[in-house]
Amino acid sequence: MFSATEALSRLAPKLDQLTREVLFDDVWRRGALSPRERSLITLAAVLGQARPHALAFHLRRGLDNGLSAEELGELLTHLAFYIGWPSATAALEQLDAVLADQAR
């Protein structure tokens, strides 16, 4: 299975370093927004830009940052009006798969 994280570290080590050190260790930890709020914002951006390859990662991160399955479902329902039904329903399928994976 393709792993973006593995490919990033193997093919673009500097981008991997910047992602870890700047994005996740600095930007995501700034105090003005909580990690939960950042997850909501990031999911909306990922969906709005049609970046399905990043969606499962950020759905898992959202759950880790305190979002519930119900809240994620509500986010996708709300975004369906802004990003389109096909994108929202495809995201719901990914959310279902992430939740099933976590239940194992």
PDB file of N, CA and C in Angstrom:
ATOM      1  N   MET A   1       0.839  -1.185   0.000  1.00  0.00           N
ATOM      2  CA  MET A   1       0.000   0.000   0.000  1.00  0.00           C
ATOM      3  C   MET A   1       0.879   1.241   0.000  1.00  0.00           C
ATOM      4  N   PHE A   2       0.480   2.252  -0.726  1.00  0.00           N
ATOM      5  CA  PHE A   2       1.206   3.510  -0.817  1.00  0.00           C
ATOM      6  C   PHE A   2       1.143   4.242   0.512  1.00  0.00           C
ATOM      7  N   SER A   3       2.284   4.697   0.967  1.00  0.00           N
ATOM      8  CA  SER A   3       2.325   5.509   2.181  1.00  0.00           C
ATOM      9  C   SER A   3       2.988   6.835   1.843  1.00  0.00           C
ATOM     10  N   ALA A   4       2.218   7.905   1.918  1.00  0.00           N
ATOM     11  CA  ALA A   4       2.757   9.232   1.618  1.00  0.00           C
ATOM     12  C   ALA A   4       3.885   9.578   2.571  1.00  0.00           C
ATOM     13  N   THR A   5       3.768   9.171   3.830  1.00  0.00           N
ATOM     14  CA  THR A   5       4.802   9.468   4.816  1.00  0.00           C
ATOM     15  C   THR A   5       6.111   8.792   4.455  1.00  0.00           C
ATOM     16  N   GLU A   6       6.042   7.536   4.064  1.00  0.00           N
ATOM     17  CA  GLU A   6       7.248   6.811   3.672  1.00  0.00           C
ATOM     18  C   GLU A   6       7.856   7.404   2.411  1.00  0.00           C
ATOM     19  N   ALA A   7       7.018   7.726   1.439  1.00  0.00           N
ATOM     20  CA  ALA A   7       7.523   8.320   0.197  1.00  0.00           C
ATOM     21  C   ALA A   7       8.149   9.679   0.465  1.00  0.00           C
ATOM     22  N   LEU A   8       7.538  10.434   1.332  1.00  0.00           N
ATOM     23  CA  LEU A   8       8.055  11.758   1.667  1.00  0.00           C
ATOM     24  C   LEU A   8       9.454  11.655   2.253  1.00  0.00           C
ATOM     25  N   SER A   9       9.644  10.799   3.229  1.00  0.00           N
ATOM     26  CA  SER A   9      10.954  10.688   3.868  1.00  0.00           C
ATOM     27  C   SER A   9      11.997  10.099   2.923  1.00  0.00           C
ATOM     28  N   ARG A  10      11.585   9.201   2.048  1.00  0.00           N
ATOM     29  CA  ARG A  10      12.525   8.561   1.132  1.00  0.00           C
ATOM     30  C   ARG A  10      12.874   9.453  -0.057  1.00  0.00           C
ATOM     31  N   LEU A  11      11.874  10.131  -0.636  1.00  0.00           N
ATOM     32  CA  LEU A  11      12.081  10.870  -1.882  1.00  0.00           C
ATOM     33  C   LEU A  11      12.361  12.356  -1.684  1.00  0.00           C
ATOM     34  N   ALA A  12      11.878  12.904  -0.594  1.00  0.00           N
ATOM     35  CA  ALA A  12      12.054  14.344  -0.355  1.00  0.00           C
ATOM     36  C   ALA A  12      12.344  14.577   1.131  1.00  0.00           C
ATOM     37  N   PRO A  13      13.524  14.178   1.581  1.00  0.00           N
ATOM     38  CA  PRO A  13      13.814  14.261   3.010  1.00  0.00           C
ATOM     39  C   PRO A  13      13.712  15.677   3.590  1.00  0.00           C
ATOM     40  N   LYS A  14      14.045  16.689   2.820  1.00  0.00           N
ATOM     41  CA  LYS A  14      13.935  18.059   3.323  1.00  0.00           C
ATOM     42  C   LYS A  14      12.462  18.441   3.504  1.00  0.00           C
ATOM     43  N   LEU A  15      11.607  18.080   2.550  1.00  0.00           N
ATOM     44  CA  LEU A  15      10.182  18.338   2.682  1.00  0.00           C
ATOM     45  C   LEU A  15       9.622  17.584   3.890  1.00  0.00           C
ATOM     46  N   ASP A  16      10.091  16.367   4.102  1.00  0.00           N
ATOM     47  CA  ASP A  16       9.694  15.584   5.264  1.00  0.00           C
ATOM     48  C   ASP A  16      10.091  16.312   6.552  1.00  0.00           C
ATOM     49  N   GLN A  17      11.318  16.808   6.600  1.00  0.00           N
ATOM     50  CA  GLN A  17      11.798  17.544   7.770  1.00  0.00           C
ATOM     51  C   GLN A  17      10.965  18.804   8.015  1.00  0.00           C
ATOM     52  N   LEU A  18      10.695  19.571   6.963  1.00  0.00           N
ATOM     53  CA  LEU A  18       9.891  20.785   7.103  1.00  0.00           C
ATOM     54  C   LEU A  18       8.471  20.468   7.560  1.00  0.00           C
ATOM     55  N   THR A  19       7.918  19.392   7.022  1.00  0.00           N
ATOM     56  CA  THR A  19       6.577  18.969   7.415  1.00  0.00           C
ATOM     57  C   THR A  19       6.525  18.655   8.898  1.00  0.00           C
ATOM     58  N   ARG A  20       7.495  17.874   9.356  1.00  0.00           N
ATOM     59  CA  ARG A  20       7.520  17.493  10.767  1.00  0.00           C
ATOM     60  C   ARG A  20       7.844  18.680  11.669  1.00  0.00           C
ATOM     61  N   GLU A  21       8.936  19.392  11.369  1.00  0.00           N
ATOM     62  CA  GLU A  21       9.440  20.417  12.285  1.00  0.00           C
ATOM     63  C   GLU A  21       8.676  21.734  12.207  1.00  0.00           C
ATOM     64  N   VAL A  22       8.339  22.172  11.017  1.00  0.00           N
ATOM     65  CA  VAL A  22       7.664  23.468  10.884  1.00  0.00           C
ATOM     66  C   VAL A  22       6.144  23.308  10.989  1.00  0.00           C
ATOM     67  N   LEU A  23       5.584  22.443  10.152  1.00  0.00           N
ATOM     68  CA  LEU A  23       4.126  22.313  10.139  1.00  0.00           C
ATOM     69  C   LEU A  23       3.587  21.691  11.425  1.00  0.00           C
ATOM     70  N   PHE A  24       4.033  20.471  11.734  1.00  0.00           N
ATOM     71  CA  PHE A  24       3.423  19.758  12.855  1.00  0.00           C
ATOM     72  C   PHE A  24       4.023  20.117  14.215  1.00  0.00           C
ATOM     73  N   ASP A  25       5.299  20.443  14.284  1.00  0.00           N
ATOM     74  CA  ASP A  25       5.898  20.789  15.576  1.00  0.00           C
ATOM     75  C   ASP A  25       5.831  22.276  15.896  1.00  0.00           C
ATOM     76  N   ASP A  26       5.523  23.119  14.929  1.00  0.00           N
ATOM     77  CA  ASP A  26       5.415  24.556  15.194  1.00  0.00           C
ATOM     78  C   ASP A  26       4.002  25.054  14.927  1.00  0.00           C
ATOM     79  N   VAL A  27       3.600  25.077  13.671  1.00  0.00           N
ATOM     80  CA  VAL A  27       2.311  25.670  13.303  1.00  0.00           C
ATOM     81  C   VAL A  27       1.151  24.991  14.037  1.00  0.00           C
ATOM     82  N   TRP A  28       1.115  23.670  14.046  1.00  0.00           N
ATOM     83  CA  TRP A  28       0.001  22.962  14.678  1.00  0.00           C
ATOM     84  C   TRP A  28      -0.026  23.148  16.189  1.00  0.00           C
ATOM     85  N   ARG A  29       1.076  23.577  16.793  1.00  0.00           N
ATOM     86  CA  ARG A  29       1.142  23.714  18.252  1.00  0.00           C
ATOM     87  C   ARG A  29       1.010  25.150  18.739  1.00  0.00           C
ATOM     88  N   ARG A  30       0.808  26.078  17.830  1.00  0.00           N
ATOM     89  CA  ARG A  30       0.627  27.471  18.240  1.00  0.00           C
ATOM     90  C   ARG A  30      -0.656  27.591  19.044  1.00  0.00           C
ATOM     91  N   GLY A  31      -0.645  28.462  20.046  1.00  0.00           N
ATOM     92  CA  GLY A  31      -1.718  28.507  21.027  1.00  0.00           C
ATOM     93  C   GLY A  31      -3.004  29.197  20.620  1.00  0.00           C
ATOM     94  N   ALA A  32      -3.001  29.972  19.554  1.00  0.00           N
ATOM     95  CA  ALA A  32      -4.204  30.738  19.200  1.00  0.00           C
ATOM     96  C   ALA A  32      -5.377  29.847  18.790  1.00  0.00           C
ATOM     97  N   LEU A  33      -5.085  28.684  18.244  1.00  0.00           N
ATOM     98  CA  LEU A  33      -6.114  27.714  17.882  1.00  0.00           C
ATOM     99  C   LEU A  33      -5.766  26.385  18.532  1.00  0.00           C
ATOM    100  N   SER A  34      -6.781  25.664  18.954  1.00  0.00           N
ATOM    101  CA  SER A  34      -6.546  24.331  19.523  1.00  0.00           C
ATOM    102  C   SER A  34      -6.286  23.332  18.394  1.00  0.00           C
ATOM    103  N   PRO A  35      -5.659  22.199  18.718  1.00  0.00           N
ATOM    104  CA  PRO A  35      -5.495  21.163  17.689  1.00  0.00           C
ATOM    105  C   PRO A  35      -6.838  20.722  17.098  1.00  0.00           C
ATOM    106  N   ARG A  36      -7.879  20.686  17.929  1.00  0.00           N
ATOM    107  CA  ARG A  36      -9.221  20.323  17.456  1.00  0.00           C
ATOM    108  C   ARG A  36      -9.709  21.318  16.406  1.00  0.00           C
ATOM    109  N   GLU A  37      -9.552  22.610  16.684  1.00  0.00           N
ATOM    110  CA  GLU A  37      -9.953  23.645  15.728  1.00  0.00           C
ATOM    111  C   GLU A  37      -9.117  23.553  14.455  1.00  0.00           C
ATOM    112  N   ARG A  38      -7.834  23.322  14.607  1.00  0.00           N
ATOM    113  CA  ARG A  38      -6.965  23.191  13.431  1.00  0.00           C
ATOM    114  C   ARG A  38      -7.380  22.006  12.576  1.00  0.00           C
ATOM    115  N   SER A  39      -7.813  20.916  13.222  1.00  0.00           N
ATOM    116  CA  SER A  39      -8.282  19.754  12.466  1.00  0.00           C
ATOM    117  C   SER A  39      -9.527  20.091  11.654  1.00  0.00           C
ATOM    118  N   LEU A  40     -10.484  20.793  12.254  1.00  0.00           N
ATOM    119  CA  LEU A  40     -11.690  21.200  11.521  1.00  0.00           C
ATOM    120  C   LEU A  40     -11.330  22.057  10.312  1.00  0.00           C
ATOM    121  N   ILE A  41     -10.454  23.033  10.517  1.00  0.00           N
ATOM    122  CA  ILE A  41     -10.036  23.928   9.436  1.00  0.00           C
ATOM    123  C   ILE A  41      -9.316  23.144   8.340  1.00  0.00           C
ATOM    124  N   THR A  42      -8.417  22.285   8.739  1.00  0.00           N
ATOM    125  CA  THR A  42      -7.636  21.517   7.766  1.00  0.00           C
ATOM    126  C   THR A  42      -8.523  20.582   6.962  1.00  0.00           C
ATOM    127  N   LEU A  43      -9.456  19.912   7.626  1.00  0.00           N
ATOM    128  CA  LEU A  43     -10.368  19.029   6.902  1.00  0.00           C
ATOM    129  C   LEU A  43     -11.203  19.801   5.890  1.00  0.00           C
ATOM    130  N   ALA A  44     -11.684  20.967   6.266  1.00  0.00           N
ATOM    131  CA  ALA A  44     -12.451  21.780   5.322  1.00  0.00           C
ATOM    132  C   ALA A  44     -11.583  22.172   4.121  1.00  0.00           C
ATOM    133  N   ALA A  45     -10.337  22.539   4.375  1.00  0.00           N
ATOM    134  CA  ALA A  45      -9.436  22.923   3.286  1.00  0.00           C
ATOM    135  C   ALA A  45      -9.107  21.739   2.387  1.00  0.00           C
ATOM    136  N   VAL A  46      -8.810  20.587   2.991  1.00  0.00           N
ATOM    137  CA  VAL A  46      -8.466  19.385   2.219  1.00  0.00           C
ATOM    138  C   VAL A  46      -9.644  18.981   1.336  1.00  0.00           C
ATOM    139  N   LEU A  47     -10.841  19.022   1.891  1.00  0.00           N
ATOM    140  CA  LEU A  47     -12.027  18.674   1.111  1.00  0.00           C
ATOM    141  C   LEU A  47     -12.320  19.718   0.045  1.00  0.00           C
ATOM    142  N   GLY A  48     -12.201  20.985   0.396  1.00  0.00           N
ATOM    143  CA  GLY A  48     -12.487  22.063  -0.546  1.00  0.00           C
ATOM    144  C   GLY A  48     -11.524  22.107  -1.711  1.00  0.00           C
ATOM    145  N   GLN A  49     -10.320  21.619  -1.497  1.00  0.00           N
ATOM    146  CA  GLN A  49      -9.323  21.595  -2.563  1.00  0.00           C
ATOM    147  C   GLN A  49      -9.282  20.254  -3.283  1.00  0.00           C
ATOM    148  N   ALA A  50     -10.197  19.375  -2.933  1.00  0.00           N
ATOM    149  CA  ALA A  50     -10.264  18.043  -3.543  1.00  0.00           C
ATOM    150  C   ALA A  50      -8.926  17.315  -3.422  1.00  0.00           C
ATOM    151  N   ARG A  51      -8.495  17.125  -2.193  1.00  0.00           N
ATOM    152  CA  ARG A  51      -7.243  16.419  -1.903  1.00  0.00           C
ATOM    153  C   ARG A  51      -7.534  15.113  -1.166  1.00  0.00           C
ATOM    154  N   PRO A  52      -8.184  14.164  -1.840  1.00  0.00           N
ATOM    155  CA  PRO A  52      -8.590  12.940  -1.151  1.00  0.00           C
ATOM    156  C   PRO A  52      -7.422  12.132  -0.595  1.00  0.00           C
ATOM    157  N   HIS A  53      -6.244  12.279  -1.186  1.00  0.00           N
ATOM    158  CA  HIS A  53      -5.091  11.512  -0.701  1.00  0.00           C
ATOM    159  C   HIS A  53      -4.703  11.911   0.724  1.00  0.00           C
ATOM    160  N   ALA A  54      -5.050  13.117   1.148  1.00  0.00           N
ATOM    161  CA  ALA A  54      -4.712  13.590   2.490  1.00  0.00           C
ATOM    162  C   ALA A  54      -5.860  13.407   3.475  1.00  0.00           C
ATOM    163  N   LEU A  55      -7.005  13.003   2.998  1.00  0.00           N
ATOM    164  CA  LEU A  55      -8.204  13.001   3.825  1.00  0.00           C
ATOM    165  C   LEU A  55      -8.152  11.991   4.963  1.00  0.00           C
ATOM    166  N   ALA A  56      -7.814  10.749   4.696  1.00  0.00           N
ATOM    167  CA  ALA A  56      -7.803   9.728   5.746  1.00  0.00           C
ATOM    168  C   ALA A  56      -6.842  10.115   6.868  1.00  0.00           C
ATOM    169  N   PHE A  57      -5.669  10.615   6.504  1.00  0.00           N
ATOM    170  CA  PHE A  57      -4.698  11.061   7.511  1.00  0.00           C
ATOM    171  C   PHE A  57      -5.314  12.114   8.421  1.00  0.00           C
ATOM    172  N   HIS A  58      -5.965  13.112   7.823  1.00  0.00           N
ATOM    173  CA  HIS A  58      -6.507  14.209   8.621  1.00  0.00           C
ATOM    174  C   HIS A  58      -7.793  13.821   9.352  1.00  0.00           C
ATOM    175  N   LEU A  59      -8.535  12.852   8.835  1.00  0.00           N
ATOM    176  CA  LEU A  59      -9.667  12.328   9.601  1.00  0.00           C
ATOM    177  C   LEU A  59      -9.165  11.642  10.869  1.00  0.00           C
ATOM    178  N   ARG A  60      -8.123  10.819  10.735  1.00  0.00           N
ATOM    179  CA  ARG A  60      -7.533  10.162  11.910  1.00  0.00           C
ATOM    180  C   ARG A  60      -6.983  11.198  12.880  1.00  0.00           C
ATOM    181  N   ARG A  61      -6.310  12.197  12.344  1.00  0.00           N
ATOM    182  CA  ARG A  61      -5.742  13.258  13.190  1.00  0.00           C
ATOM    183  C   ARG A  61      -6.857  14.019  13.915  1.00  0.00           C
ATOM    184  N   GLY A  62      -7.960  14.268  13.217  1.00  0.00           N
ATOM    185  CA  GLY A  62      -9.097  14.939  13.841  1.00  0.00           C
ATOM    186  C   GLY A  62      -9.642  14.133  15.007  1.00  0.00           C
ATOM    187  N   LEU A  63      -9.781  12.825  14.825  1.00  0.00           N
ATOM    188  CA  LEU A  63     -10.228  11.965  15.914  1.00  0.00           C
ATOM    189  C   LEU A  63      -9.232  12.021  17.074  1.00  0.00           C
ATOM    190  N   ASP A  64      -7.948  11.968  16.762  1.00  0.00           N
ATOM    191  CA  ASP A  64      -6.911  12.064  17.796  1.00  0.00           C
ATOM    192  C   ASP A  64      -6.952  13.415  18.506  1.00  0.00           C
ATOM    193  N   ASN A  65      -7.396  14.450  17.797  1.00  0.00           N
ATOM    194  CA  ASN A  65      -7.454  15.797  18.369  1.00  0.00           C
ATOM    195  C   ASN A  65      -8.795  16.100  19.038  1.00  0.00           C
ATOM    196  N   GLY A  66      -9.591  15.066  19.259  1.00  0.00           N
ATOM    197  CA  GLY A  66     -10.800  15.231  20.057  1.00  0.00           C
ATOM    198  C   GLY A  66     -12.105  15.369  19.297  1.00  0.00           C
ATOM    199  N   LEU A  67     -12.070  15.308  17.975  1.00  0.00           N
ATOM    200  CA  LEU A  67     -13.325  15.342  17.225  1.00  0.00           C
ATOM    201  C   LEU A  67     -13.992  13.976  17.304  1.00  0.00           C
ATOM    202  N   SER A  68     -15.293  13.968  17.444  1.00  0.00           N
ATOM    203  CA  SER A  68     -16.026  12.701  17.483  1.00  0.00           C
ATOM    204  C   SER A  68     -16.454  12.316  16.069  1.00  0.00           C
ATOM    205  N   ALA A  69     -16.837  11.061  15.920  1.00  0.00           N
ATOM    206  CA  ALA A  69     -17.369  10.605  14.637  1.00  0.00           C
ATOM    207  C   ALA A  69     -18.607  11.416  14.270  1.00  0.00           C
ATOM    208  N   GLU A  70     -19.434  11.724  15.264  1.00  0.00           N
ATOM    209  CA  GLU A  70     -20.635  12.519  15.021  1.00  0.00           C
ATOM    210  C   GLU A  70     -20.270  13.922  14.513  1.00  0.00           C
ATOM    211  N   GLU A  71     -19.269  14.532  15.122  1.00  0.00           N
ATOM    212  CA  GLU A  71     -18.848  15.870  14.686  1.00  0.00           C
ATOM    213  C   GLU A  71     -18.273  15.840  13.274  1.00  0.00           C
ATOM    214  N   LEU A  72     -17.507  14.802  12.970  1.00  0.00           N
ATOM    215  CA  LEU A  72     -16.962  14.688  11.618  1.00  0.00           C
ATOM    216  C   LEU A  72     -18.071  14.473  10.602  1.00  0.00           C
ATOM    217  N   GLY A  73     -19.069  13.670  10.956  1.00  0.00           N
ATOM    218  CA  GLY A  73     -20.228  13.498  10.083  1.00  0.00           C
ATOM    219  C   GLY A  73     -20.961  14.811   9.867  1.00  0.00           C
ATOM    220  N   GLU A  74     -21.082  15.591  10.916  1.00  0.00           N
ATOM    221  CA  GLU A  74     -21.745  16.894  10.808  1.00  0.00           C
ATOM    222  C   GLU A  74     -20.917  17.851   9.951  1.00  0.00           C
ATOM    223  N   LEU A  75     -19.608  17.823  10.115  1.00  0.00           N
ATOM    224  CA  LEU A  75     -18.728  18.649   9.278  1.00  0.00           C
ATOM    225  C   LEU A  75     -18.932  18.313   7.801  1.00  0.00           C
ATOM    226  N   LEU A  76     -18.978  17.025   7.492  1.00  0.00           N
ATOM    227  CA  LEU A  76     -19.146  16.606   6.094  1.00  0.00           C
ATOM    228  C   LEU A  76     -20.536  16.955   5.570  1.00  0.00           C
ATOM    229  N   THR A  77     -21.543  16.866   6.417  1.00  0.00           N
ATOM    230  CA  THR A  77     -22.895  17.274   6.019  1.00  0.00           C
ATOM    231  C   THR A  77     -22.916  18.765   5.692  1.00  0.00           C
ATOM    232  N   HIS A  78     -22.322  19.553   6.558  1.00  0.00           N
ATOM    233  CA  HIS A  78     -22.264  21.005   6.342  1.00  0.00           C
ATOM    234  C   HIS A  78     -21.486  21.331   5.067  1.00  0.00           C
ATOM    235  N   LEU A  79     -20.346  20.680   4.892  1.00  0.00           N
ATOM    236  CA  LEU A  79     -19.507  20.974   3.732  1.00  0.00           C
ATOM    237  C   LEU A  79     -20.109  20.498   2.417  1.00  0.00           C
ATOM    238  N   ALA A  80     -21.039  19.559   2.461  1.00  0.00           N
ATOM    239  CA  ALA A  80     -21.665  19.091   1.224  1.00  0.00           C
ATOM    240  C   ALA A  80     -22.264  20.245   0.437  1.00  0.00           C
ATOM    241  N   PHE A  81     -22.749  21.254   1.143  1.00  0.00           N
ATOM    242  CA  PHE A  81     -23.348  22.411   0.479  1.00  0.00           C
ATOM    243  C   PHE A  81     -22.298  23.330  -0.139  1.00  0.00           C
ATOM    244  N   TYR A  82     -21.062  23.200   0.269  1.00  0.00           N
ATOM    245  CA  TYR A  82     -19.996  24.078  -0.212  1.00  0.00           C
ATOM    246  C   TYR A  82     -19.017  23.378  -1.145  1.00  0.00           C
ATOM    247  N   ILE A  83     -18.803  22.075  -0.924  1.00  0.00           N
ATOM    248  CA  ILE A  83     -17.833  21.344  -1.744  1.00  0.00           C
ATOM    249  C   ILE A  83     -18.501  20.395  -2.721  1.00  0.00           C
ATOM    250  N   GLY A  84     -19.799  20.147  -2.521  1.00  0.00           N
ATOM    251  CA  GLY A  84     -20.544  19.266  -3.414  1.00  0.00           C
ATOM    252  C   GLY A  84     -20.826  17.915  -2.786  1.00  0.00           C
ATOM    253  N   TRP A  85     -21.952  17.366  -3.184  1.00  0.00           N
ATOM    254  CA  TRP A  85     -22.396  16.078  -2.658  1.00  0.00           C
ATOM    255  C   TRP A  85     -21.403  14.954  -2.932  1.00  0.00           C
ATOM    256  N   PRO A  86     -20.896  14.813  -4.158  1.00  0.00           N
ATOM    257  CA  PRO A  86     -19.970  13.704  -4.416  1.00  0.00           C
ATOM    258  C   PRO A  86     -18.729  13.745  -3.524  1.00  0.00           C
ATOM    259  N   SER A  87     -18.185  14.921  -3.305  1.00  0.00           N
ATOM    260  CA  SER A  87     -17.009  15.026  -2.435  1.00  0.00           C
ATOM    261  C   SER A  87     -17.350  14.661  -0.998  1.00  0.00           C
ATOM    262  N   ALA A  88     -18.491  15.139  -0.535  1.00  0.00           N
ATOM    263  CA  ALA A  88     -18.893  14.859   0.846  1.00  0.00           C
ATOM    264  C   ALA A  88     -19.197  13.378   1.050  1.00  0.00           C
ATOM    265  N   THR A  89     -19.890  12.762   0.117  1.00  0.00           N
ATOM    266  CA  THR A  89     -20.222  11.348   0.295  1.00  0.00           C
ATOM    267  C   THR A  89     -18.973  10.469   0.157  1.00  0.00           C
ATOM    268  N   ALA A  90     -18.056  10.855  -0.710  1.00  0.00           N
ATOM    269  CA  ALA A  90     -16.788  10.124  -0.806  1.00  0.00           C
ATOM    270  C   ALA A  90     -16.007  10.257   0.502  1.00  0.00           C
ATOM    271  N   ALA A  91     -16.045  11.438   1.097  1.00  0.00           N
ATOM    272  CA  ALA A  91     -15.372  11.648   2.378  1.00  0.00           C
ATOM    273  C   ALA A  91     -16.028  10.823   3.482  1.00  0.00           C
ATOM    274  N   LEU A  92     -17.353  10.684   3.433  1.00  0.00           N
ATOM    275  CA  LEU A  92     -18.052   9.845   4.413  1.00  0.00           C
ATOM    276  C   LEU A  92     -17.610   8.388   4.297  1.00  0.00           C
ATOM    277  N   GLU A  93     -17.381   7.934   3.071  1.00  0.00           N
ATOM    278  CA  GLU A  93     -16.873   6.570   2.875  1.00  0.00           C
ATOM    279  C   GLU A  93     -15.504   6.422   3.522  1.00  0.00           C
ATOM    280  N   GLN A  94     -14.652   7.435   3.353  1.00  0.00           N
ATOM    281  CA  GLN A  94     -13.327   7.382   3.969  1.00  0.00           C
ATOM    282  C   GLN A  94     -13.428   7.441   5.490  1.00  0.00           C
ATOM    283  N   LEU A  95     -14.333   8.278   6.000  1.00  0.00           N
ATOM    284  CA  LEU A  95     -14.534   8.343   7.443  1.00  0.00           C
ATOM    285  C   LEU A  95     -14.985   6.994   7.972  1.00  0.00           C
ATOM    286  N   ASP A  96     -15.897   6.351   7.280  1.00  0.00           N
ATOM    287  CA  ASP A  96     -16.364   5.027   7.682  1.00  0.00           C
ATOM    288  C   ASP A  96     -15.209   4.034   7.749  1.00  0.00           C
ATOM    289  N   ALA A  97     -14.333   4.074   6.740  1.00  0.00           N
ATOM    290  CA  ALA A  97     -13.178   3.174   6.708  1.00  0.00           C
ATOM    291  C   ALA A  97     -12.204   3.487   7.857  1.00  0.00           C
ATOM    292  N   VAL A  98     -11.974   4.752   8.131  1.00  0.00           N
ATOM    293  CA  VAL A  98     -11.090   5.143   9.239  1.00  0.00           C
ATOM    294  C   VAL A  98     -11.666   4.663  10.560  1.00  0.00           C
ATOM    295  N   LEU A  99     -12.978   4.850  10.767  1.00  0.00           N
ATOM    296  CA  LEU A  99     -13.612   4.409  12.007  1.00  0.00           C
ATOM    297  C   LEU A  99     -13.565   2.886  12.145  1.00  0.00           C
ATOM    298  N   ALA A 100     -13.788   2.183  11.054  1.00  0.00           N
ATOM    299  CA  ALA A 100     -13.711   0.714  11.091  1.00  0.00           C
ATOM    300  C   ALA A 100     -12.295   0.264  11.414  1.00  0.00           C
ATOM    301  N   ASP A 101     -11.304   0.934  10.856  1.00  0.00           N
ATOM    302  CA  ASP A 101      -9.908   0.599  11.120  1.00  0.00           C
ATOM    303  C   ASP A 101      -9.566   0.839  12.586  1.00  0.00           C
ATOM    304  N   GLN A 102     -10.071   1.927  13.149  1.00  0.00           N
ATOM    305  CA  GLN A 102      -9.801   2.227  14.556  1.00  0.00           C
ATOM    306  C   GLN A 102     -10.499   1.252  15.488  1.00  0.00           C
ATOM    307  N   ALA A 103     -11.620   0.689  15.058  1.00  0.00           N
ATOM    308  CA  ALA A 103     -12.373  -0.239  15.898  1.00  0.00           C
ATOM    309  C   ALA A 103     -11.673  -1.600  15.997  1.00  0.00           C
ATOM    310  N   ARG A 104     -10.769  -1.869  15.075  1.00  0.00           N
ATOM    311  CA  ARG A 104     -10.076  -3.174  15.064  1.00  0.00           C
ATOM    312  C   ARG A 104      -9.053  -3.259  16.146  1.00  0.00           C
TER     313      ARG A 104
END
